[in-house]
Amino acid sequence: MREVSKAEFKRVYVERGGADSGWTLDYWDQCIEPHATPTMRFVLEEPPTSQHTRMMIVAGANEHRMFFLTEDAEESFFEFPSGA
């Protein structure tokens, strides 16, 4: 992962997002932009393969992280391990 500017983060967001994924400019304007303080860090992990098409954003106290999962990984992302 590497730290990028807010402009670079938004560029990738717009390129990789879209209405089909739910990552729209309306979402950016309502949920990301209002929390983007001058000290906010933006961290990006580029998709490692062409199968990593599912964009994920995690917001922390002073950081937004963007990374990409495969469809299969996204399906199981929130599943608990067996026996839990």
C-alpha atoms as a PDB file:
ATOM      1  CA  MET A   1       0.000   0.000   0.000  1.00  0.00           C
ATOM      2  CA  ARG A   2       1.155   3.483  -0.695  1.00  0.00           C
ATOM      3  CA  GLU A   3       0.016   6.871   0.434  1.00  0.00           C
ATOM      4  CA  VAL A   4      -1.426   9.012  -2.379  1.00  0.00           C
ATOM      5  CA  SER A   5      -2.928  12.461  -2.671  1.00  0.00           C
ATOM      6  CA  LYS A   6      -6.660  12.933  -2.290  1.00  0.00           C
ATOM      7  CA  ALA A   7      -6.800  13.802  -6.007  1.00  0.00           C
ATOM      8  CA  GLU A   8      -5.076  10.516  -6.963  1.00  0.00           C
ATOM      9  CA  PHE A   9      -7.357   8.558  -4.614  1.00  0.00           C
ATOM     10  CA  LYS A  10     -10.430  10.155  -6.208  1.00  0.00           C
ATOM     11  CA  ARG A  11      -9.077   9.519  -9.714  1.00  0.00           C
ATOM     12  CA  VAL A  12      -8.782   5.782  -9.008  1.00  0.00           C
ATOM     13  CA  TYR A  13     -12.164   5.831  -7.250  1.00  0.00           C
ATOM     14  CA  VAL A  14     -13.825   7.354 -10.338  1.00  0.00           C
ATOM     15  CA  GLU A  15     -11.950   5.053 -12.766  1.00  0.00           C
ATOM     16  CA  ARG A  16     -12.729   1.843 -10.879  1.00  0.00           C
ATOM     17  CA  GLY A  17     -16.145   2.736  -9.435  1.00  0.00           C
ATOM     18  CA  GLY A  18     -19.416   3.543 -11.124  1.00  0.00           C
ATOM     19  CA  ALA A  19     -23.155   3.113 -10.810  1.00  0.00           C
ATOM     20  CA  ASP A  20     -22.983  -0.689 -11.121  1.00  0.00           C
ATOM     21  CA  SER A  21     -20.663  -0.954  -8.135  1.00  0.00           C
ATOM     22  CA  GLY A  22     -22.310   1.694  -5.953  1.00  0.00           C
ATOM     23  CA  TRP A  23     -19.109   3.744  -5.842  1.00  0.00           C
ATOM     24  CA  THR A  24     -20.613   6.859  -7.435  1.00  0.00           C
ATOM     25  CA  LEU A  25     -19.712  10.549  -7.292  1.00  0.00           C
ATOM     26  CA  ASP A  26     -22.814  11.052  -5.137  1.00  0.00           C
ATOM     27  CA  TYR A  27     -21.380   8.579  -2.622  1.00  0.00           C
ATOM     28  CA  TRP A  28     -18.022  10.374  -2.746  1.00  0.00           C
ATOM     29  CA  ASP A  29     -19.712  13.745  -2.139  1.00  0.00           C
ATOM     30  CA  GLN A  30     -21.831  12.449   0.747  1.00  0.00           C
ATOM     31  CA  CYS A  31     -19.546   9.982   2.513  1.00  0.00           C
ATOM     32  CA  ILE A  32     -15.909  10.653   1.670  1.00  0.00           C
ATOM     33  CA  GLU A  33     -15.509  14.335   0.854  1.00  0.00           C
ATOM     34  CA  PRO A  34     -17.128  15.671   4.071  1.00  0.00           C
ATOM     35  CA  HIS A  35     -14.629  13.704   6.177  1.00  0.00           C
ATOM     36  CA  ALA A  36     -11.526  14.601   4.150  1.00  0.00           C
ATOM     37  CA  THR A  37      -9.662  16.845   6.559  1.00  0.00           C
ATOM     38  CA  PRO A  38      -6.339  18.462   5.608  1.00  0.00           C
ATOM     39  CA  THR A  39      -4.502  15.855   7.710  1.00  0.00           C
ATOM     40  CA  MET A  40      -6.430  12.891   6.266  1.00  0.00           C
ATOM     41  CA  ARG A  41      -4.250  10.183   4.714  1.00  0.00           C
ATOM     42  CA  PHE A  42      -5.310   8.379   1.552  1.00  0.00           C
ATOM     43  CA  VAL A  43      -3.784   4.947   1.061  1.00  0.00           C
ATOM     44  CA  LEU A  44      -4.082   2.872  -2.100  1.00  0.00           C
ATOM     45  CA  GLU A  45      -3.288  -0.730  -2.939  1.00  0.00           C
ATOM     46  CA  GLU A  46      -3.534  -1.209  -6.702  1.00  0.00           C
ATOM     47  CA  PRO A  47      -5.259  -4.386  -7.902  1.00  0.00           C
ATOM     48  CA  PRO A  48      -2.605  -7.140  -7.989  1.00  0.00           C
ATOM     49  CA  THR A  49      -4.297  -8.990 -10.882  1.00  0.00           C
ATOM     50  CA  SER A  50      -7.022  -8.369 -13.435  1.00  0.00           C
ATOM     51  CA  GLN A  51      -9.330 -10.584 -11.340  1.00  0.00           C
ATOM     52  CA  HIS A  52      -9.172  -8.076  -8.461  1.00  0.00           C
ATOM     53  CA  THR A  53     -12.126  -5.982  -9.612  1.00  0.00           C
ATOM     54  CA  ARG A  54     -14.087  -5.403  -6.400  1.00  0.00           C
ATOM     55  CA  MET A  55     -13.114  -2.058  -4.873  1.00  0.00           C
ATOM     56  CA  MET A  56     -13.200  -1.788  -1.105  1.00  0.00           C
ATOM     57  CA  ILE A  57     -12.721   1.360   0.976  1.00  0.00           C
ATOM     58  CA  VAL A  58     -12.091   1.330   4.696  1.00  0.00           C
ATOM     59  CA  ALA A  59     -12.381   4.603   6.585  1.00  0.00           C
ATOM     60  CA  GLY A  60     -10.554   5.142   9.827  1.00  0.00           C
ATOM     61  CA  ALA A  61     -10.177   8.081  12.175  1.00  0.00           C
ATOM     62  CA  ASN A  62      -7.675   9.840   9.948  1.00  0.00           C
ATOM     63  CA  GLU A  63      -7.279   7.561   6.943  1.00  0.00           C
ATOM     64  CA  HIS A  64      -9.112   6.143   3.949  1.00  0.00           C
ATOM     65  CA  ARG A  65      -7.729   2.898   2.473  1.00  0.00           C
ATOM     66  CA  MET A  66      -8.678   1.548  -0.942  1.00  0.00           C
ATOM     67  CA  PHE A  67      -7.918  -2.004  -2.005  1.00  0.00           C
ATOM     68  CA  PHE A  68      -9.323  -4.564  -4.404  1.00  0.00           C
ATOM     69  CA  LEU A  69     -10.601  -8.108  -3.989  1.00  0.00           C
ATOM     70  CA  THR A  70     -11.571 -10.858  -6.390  1.00  0.00           C
ATOM     71  CA  GLU A  71     -15.273 -11.724  -6.668  1.00  0.00           C
ATOM     72  CA  ASP A  72     -14.693 -14.936  -4.695  1.00  0.00           C
ATOM     73  CA  ALA A  73     -12.795 -13.104  -1.963  1.00  0.00           C
ATOM     74  CA  GLU A  74     -15.557 -10.516  -1.725  1.00  0.00           C
ATOM     75  CA  GLU A  75     -18.172 -13.252  -1.334  1.00  0.00           C
ATOM     76  CA  SER A  76     -16.382 -14.676   1.693  1.00  0.00           C
ATOM     77  CA  PHE A  77     -15.008 -11.410   3.116  1.00  0.00           C
ATOM     78  CA  PHE A  78     -17.517 -11.143   5.957  1.00  0.00           C
ATOM     79  CA  GLU A  79     -17.956 -14.840   6.678  1.00  0.00           C
ATOM     80  CA  PHE A  80     -16.867 -16.118  10.055  1.00  0.00           C
ATOM     81  CA  PRO A  81     -14.369 -18.971  10.105  1.00  0.00           C
ATOM     82  CA  SER A  82     -16.003 -22.343  10.702  1.00  0.00           C
ATOM     83  CA  GLY A  83     -16.357 -23.173  14.360  1.00  0.00           C
ATOM     84  CA  ALA A  84     -16.830 -19.540  15.397  1.00  0.00           C
END
